[in-house]
Amino acid sequence: MKAIKTGDLTSRTKEYLDEAAGGETFIISRPRNHNVVFLSEESYNLMRKAAELGQPILEKKQRKMERETELLAAQA
């Protein structure tokens, strides 16, 4: 991952686009910490897919914890 400034992106756009297409990820620094992440479509799609697959797992764990809490409360 590389950190760049907005001005660098403006002056070297093609170079950064080529690097991003090759798998590099960039953080573009902006004023007041309103930074932007710049990555390839392939990387973005993989990230989205991972997030979609992870969501049901998290929900399942949360439901299990809620059931365990209810059982403990019922035993008290």
N, C-alpha and C. Protein backbone atom coordinates (compact mmCIF):
# COMPACT_ATOMS: atom_id res chain seq x y z
N MET A 1 0.85 -1.17 0.00
CA MET A 1 0.00 0.00 0.00
C MET A 1 0.90 1.23 0.00
N LYS A 2 0.55 2.18 -0.84
CA LYS A 2 1.32 3.42 -0.94
C LYS A 2 0.45 4.61 -0.55
N ALA A 3 1.05 5.57 0.12
CA ALA A 3 0.35 6.81 0.46
C ALA A 3 0.84 7.89 -0.50
N ILE A 4 -0.11 8.60 -1.10
CA ILE A 4 0.24 9.69 -2.02
C ILE A 4 -0.61 10.91 -1.72
N LYS A 5 -0.18 12.05 -2.22
CA LYS A 5 -0.94 13.29 -2.06
C LYS A 5 -1.77 13.54 -3.30
N THR A 6 -2.81 14.32 -3.15
CA THR A 6 -3.70 14.62 -4.27
C THR A 6 -2.93 15.20 -5.45
N GLY A 7 -1.99 16.09 -5.17
CA GLY A 7 -1.19 16.69 -6.24
C GLY A 7 -0.37 15.66 -7.00
N ASP A 8 0.14 14.66 -6.28
CA ASP A 8 0.90 13.59 -6.94
C ASP A 8 0.00 12.80 -7.88
N LEU A 9 -1.22 12.55 -7.44
CA LEU A 9 -2.16 11.82 -8.28
C LEU A 9 -2.45 12.59 -9.56
N THR A 10 -2.60 13.90 -9.42
CA THR A 10 -2.89 14.73 -10.58
C THR A 10 -1.74 14.71 -11.58
N SER A 11 -0.54 14.79 -11.09
CA SER A 11 0.61 14.88 -12.00
C SER A 11 1.07 13.53 -12.55
N ARG A 12 0.69 12.43 -11.88
CA ARG A 12 1.16 11.11 -12.31
C ARG A 12 0.01 10.11 -12.43
N THR A 13 -1.13 10.58 -12.92
CA THR A 13 -2.34 9.77 -12.97
C THR A 13 -2.14 8.45 -13.69
N LYS A 14 -1.59 8.48 -14.90
CA LYS A 14 -1.44 7.25 -15.68
C LYS A 14 -0.57 6.24 -14.95
N GLU A 15 0.51 6.69 -14.38
CA GLU A 15 1.40 5.79 -13.65
C GLU A 15 0.67 5.10 -12.49
N TYR A 16 -0.09 5.88 -11.72
CA TYR A 16 -0.81 5.32 -10.58
C TYR A 16 -1.95 4.40 -11.02
N LEU A 17 -2.62 4.75 -12.12
CA LEU A 17 -3.67 3.87 -12.64
C LEU A 17 -3.09 2.54 -13.08
N ASP A 18 -1.94 2.57 -13.74
CA ASP A 18 -1.28 1.33 -14.17
C ASP A 18 -0.89 0.49 -12.96
N GLU A 19 -0.36 1.12 -11.92
CA GLU A 19 0.04 0.39 -10.72
C GLU A 19 -1.19 -0.20 -10.03
N ALA A 20 -2.26 0.56 -9.95
CA ALA A 20 -3.48 0.06 -9.31
C ALA A 20 -4.05 -1.12 -10.09
N ALA A 21 -4.03 -1.03 -11.41
CA ALA A 21 -4.50 -2.14 -12.24
C ALA A 21 -3.65 -3.38 -12.01
N GLY A 22 -2.39 -3.20 -11.65
CA GLY A 22 -1.50 -4.30 -11.37
C GLY A 22 -1.60 -4.83 -9.95
N GLY A 23 -2.47 -4.27 -9.13
CA GLY A 23 -2.70 -4.80 -7.80
C GLY A 23 -2.27 -3.89 -6.65
N GLU A 24 -1.63 -2.77 -6.95
CA GLU A 24 -1.21 -1.85 -5.89
C GLU A 24 -2.42 -1.09 -5.34
N THR A 25 -2.40 -0.79 -4.06
CA THR A 25 -3.44 -0.01 -3.41
C THR A 25 -2.84 1.29 -2.92
N PHE A 26 -3.58 2.38 -3.06
CA PHE A 26 -3.09 3.70 -2.67
C PHE A 26 -4.03 4.32 -1.65
N ILE A 27 -3.46 5.06 -0.72
CA ILE A 27 -4.24 5.93 0.14
C ILE A 27 -3.90 7.34 -0.30
N ILE A 28 -4.90 8.09 -0.69
CA ILE A 28 -4.71 9.45 -1.14
C ILE A 28 -5.02 10.37 0.04
N SER A 29 -3.99 11.06 0.51
CA SER A 29 -4.14 11.97 1.65
C SER A 29 -4.89 13.22 1.22
N ARG A 30 -5.87 13.60 2.04
CA ARG A 30 -6.66 14.79 1.77
C ARG A 30 -6.76 15.62 3.04
N PRO A 31 -7.10 16.88 2.90
CA PRO A 31 -7.22 17.75 4.08
C PRO A 31 -8.23 17.22 5.09
N ARG A 32 -8.00 17.53 6.35
CA ARG A 32 -8.87 17.16 7.46
C ARG A 32 -9.08 15.64 7.56
N ASN A 33 -8.09 14.89 7.11
CA ASN A 33 -8.11 13.44 7.21
C ASN A 33 -9.28 12.79 6.45
N HIS A 34 -9.75 13.42 5.39
CA HIS A 34 -10.79 12.85 4.54
C HIS A 34 -10.13 12.06 3.42
N ASN A 35 -9.35 11.05 3.79
CA ASN A 35 -8.55 10.29 2.85
C ASN A 35 -9.41 9.37 1.99
N VAL A 36 -8.83 8.93 0.87
CA VAL A 36 -9.52 8.08 -0.09
C VAL A 36 -8.62 6.88 -0.39
N VAL A 37 -9.22 5.70 -0.52
CA VAL A 37 -8.46 4.51 -0.92
C VAL A 37 -8.71 4.28 -2.40
N PHE A 38 -7.65 3.98 -3.11
CA PHE A 38 -7.66 3.85 -4.56
C PHE A 38 -7.13 2.45 -4.88
N LEU A 39 -7.95 1.60 -5.52
CA LEU A 39 -7.53 0.24 -5.81
C LEU A 39 -8.18 -0.26 -7.09
N SER A 40 -7.72 -1.41 -7.57
CA SER A 40 -8.25 -1.97 -8.81
C SER A 40 -9.66 -2.50 -8.61
N GLU A 41 -10.37 -2.65 -9.72
CA GLU A 41 -11.71 -3.22 -9.66
C GLU A 41 -11.66 -4.65 -9.15
N GLU A 42 -10.65 -5.39 -9.56
CA GLU A 42 -10.50 -6.77 -9.11
C GLU A 42 -10.34 -6.84 -7.58
N SER A 43 -9.49 -5.98 -7.03
CA SER A 43 -9.30 -5.94 -5.58
C SER A 43 -10.59 -5.54 -4.87
N TYR A 44 -11.28 -4.56 -5.44
CA TYR A 44 -12.54 -4.11 -4.86
C TYR A 44 -13.56 -5.25 -4.84
N ASN A 45 -13.68 -5.97 -5.96
CA ASN A 45 -14.64 -7.06 -6.04
C ASN A 45 -14.31 -8.18 -5.05
N LEU A 46 -13.02 -8.49 -4.90
CA LEU A 46 -12.62 -9.50 -3.92
C LEU A 46 -12.96 -9.07 -2.51
N MET A 47 -12.76 -7.81 -2.22
CA MET A 47 -13.07 -7.28 -0.90
C MET A 47 -14.58 -7.35 -0.62
N ARG A 48 -15.37 -6.99 -1.62
CA ARG A 48 -16.83 -7.06 -1.47
C ARG A 48 -17.29 -8.49 -1.24
N LYS A 49 -16.72 -9.42 -2.01
CA LYS A 49 -17.09 -10.83 -1.89
C LYS A 49 -16.75 -11.34 -0.48
N ALA A 50 -15.57 -10.98 0.02
CA ALA A 50 -15.16 -11.40 1.36
C ALA A 50 -16.11 -10.84 2.41
N ALA A 51 -16.53 -9.59 2.23
CA ALA A 51 -17.44 -8.96 3.18
C ALA A 51 -18.80 -9.66 3.15
N GLU A 52 -19.28 -10.02 1.96
CA GLU A 52 -20.56 -10.70 1.84
C GLU A 52 -20.51 -12.09 2.48
N LEU A 53 -19.41 -12.79 2.30
CA LEU A 53 -19.27 -14.13 2.88
C LEU A 53 -19.12 -14.05 4.40
N GLY A 54 -18.49 -13.01 4.89
CA GLY A 54 -18.27 -12.87 6.32
C GLY A 54 -19.51 -12.47 7.08
N GLN A 55 -20.44 -11.80 6.46
CA GLN A 55 -21.63 -11.30 7.14
C GLN A 55 -22.46 -12.42 7.76
N PRO A 56 -22.80 -13.49 7.03
CA PRO A 56 -23.59 -14.56 7.66
C PRO A 56 -22.85 -15.21 8.83
N ILE A 57 -21.53 -15.32 8.75
CA ILE A 57 -20.75 -15.90 9.83
C ILE A 57 -20.90 -15.05 11.08
N LEU A 58 -20.78 -13.73 10.93
CA LEU A 58 -20.92 -12.84 12.07
C LEU A 58 -22.32 -12.91 12.66
N GLU A 59 -23.33 -12.96 11.80
CA GLU A 59 -24.70 -13.05 12.29
C GLU A 59 -24.92 -14.35 13.05
N LYS A 60 -24.35 -15.46 12.56
CA LYS A 60 -24.50 -16.75 13.21
C LYS A 60 -23.86 -16.72 14.59
N LYS A 61 -22.65 -16.14 14.69
CA LYS A 61 -21.97 -16.04 15.98
C LYS A 61 -22.77 -15.17 16.95
N GLN A 62 -23.35 -14.08 16.43
CA GLN A 62 -24.13 -13.19 17.29
C GLN A 62 -25.38 -13.92 17.81
N ARG A 63 -26.07 -14.66 16.96
CA ARG A 63 -27.25 -15.41 17.40
C ARG A 63 -26.88 -16.45 18.46
N LYS A 64 -25.72 -17.13 18.27
CA LYS A 64 -25.28 -18.12 19.24
C LYS A 64 -25.01 -17.46 20.59
N MET A 65 -24.34 -16.31 20.58
CA MET A 65 -24.06 -15.60 21.83
C MET A 65 -25.35 -15.18 22.52
N GLU A 66 -26.34 -14.72 21.74
CA GLU A 66 -27.62 -14.32 22.31
C GLU A 66 -28.32 -15.51 22.96
N ARG A 67 -28.30 -16.68 22.31
CA ARG A 67 -28.92 -17.88 22.88
C ARG A 67 -28.24 -18.28 24.18
N GLU A 68 -26.89 -18.23 24.17
CA GLU A 68 -26.15 -18.59 25.38
C GLU A 68 -26.48 -17.63 26.52
N THR A 69 -26.61 -16.35 26.21
CA THR A 69 -26.95 -15.36 27.23
C THR A 69 -28.34 -15.63 27.78
N GLU A 70 -29.29 -15.97 26.91
CA GLU A 70 -30.66 -16.29 27.36
C GLU A 70 -30.67 -17.53 28.24
N LEU A 71 -29.87 -18.55 27.89
CA LEU A 71 -29.82 -19.76 28.70
C LEU A 71 -29.23 -19.47 30.08
N LEU A 72 -28.18 -18.67 30.11
CA LEU A 72 -27.58 -18.30 31.41
C LEU A 72 -28.57 -17.51 32.27
N ALA A 73 -29.31 -16.61 31.64
CA ALA A 73 -30.28 -15.81 32.38
C ALA A 73 -31.41 -16.71 32.90
N ALA A 74 -31.81 -17.70 32.13
CA ALA A 74 -32.89 -18.61 32.55
C ALA A 74 -32.44 -19.50 33.71
N GLN A 75 -31.16 -19.82 33.77
CA GLN A 75 -30.64 -20.67 34.84
C GLN A 75 -30.47 -19.89 36.14
N ALA A 76 -30.37 -18.60 36.07
CA ALA A 76 -30.13 -17.77 37.27
C ALA A 76 -31.37 -17.59 38.11
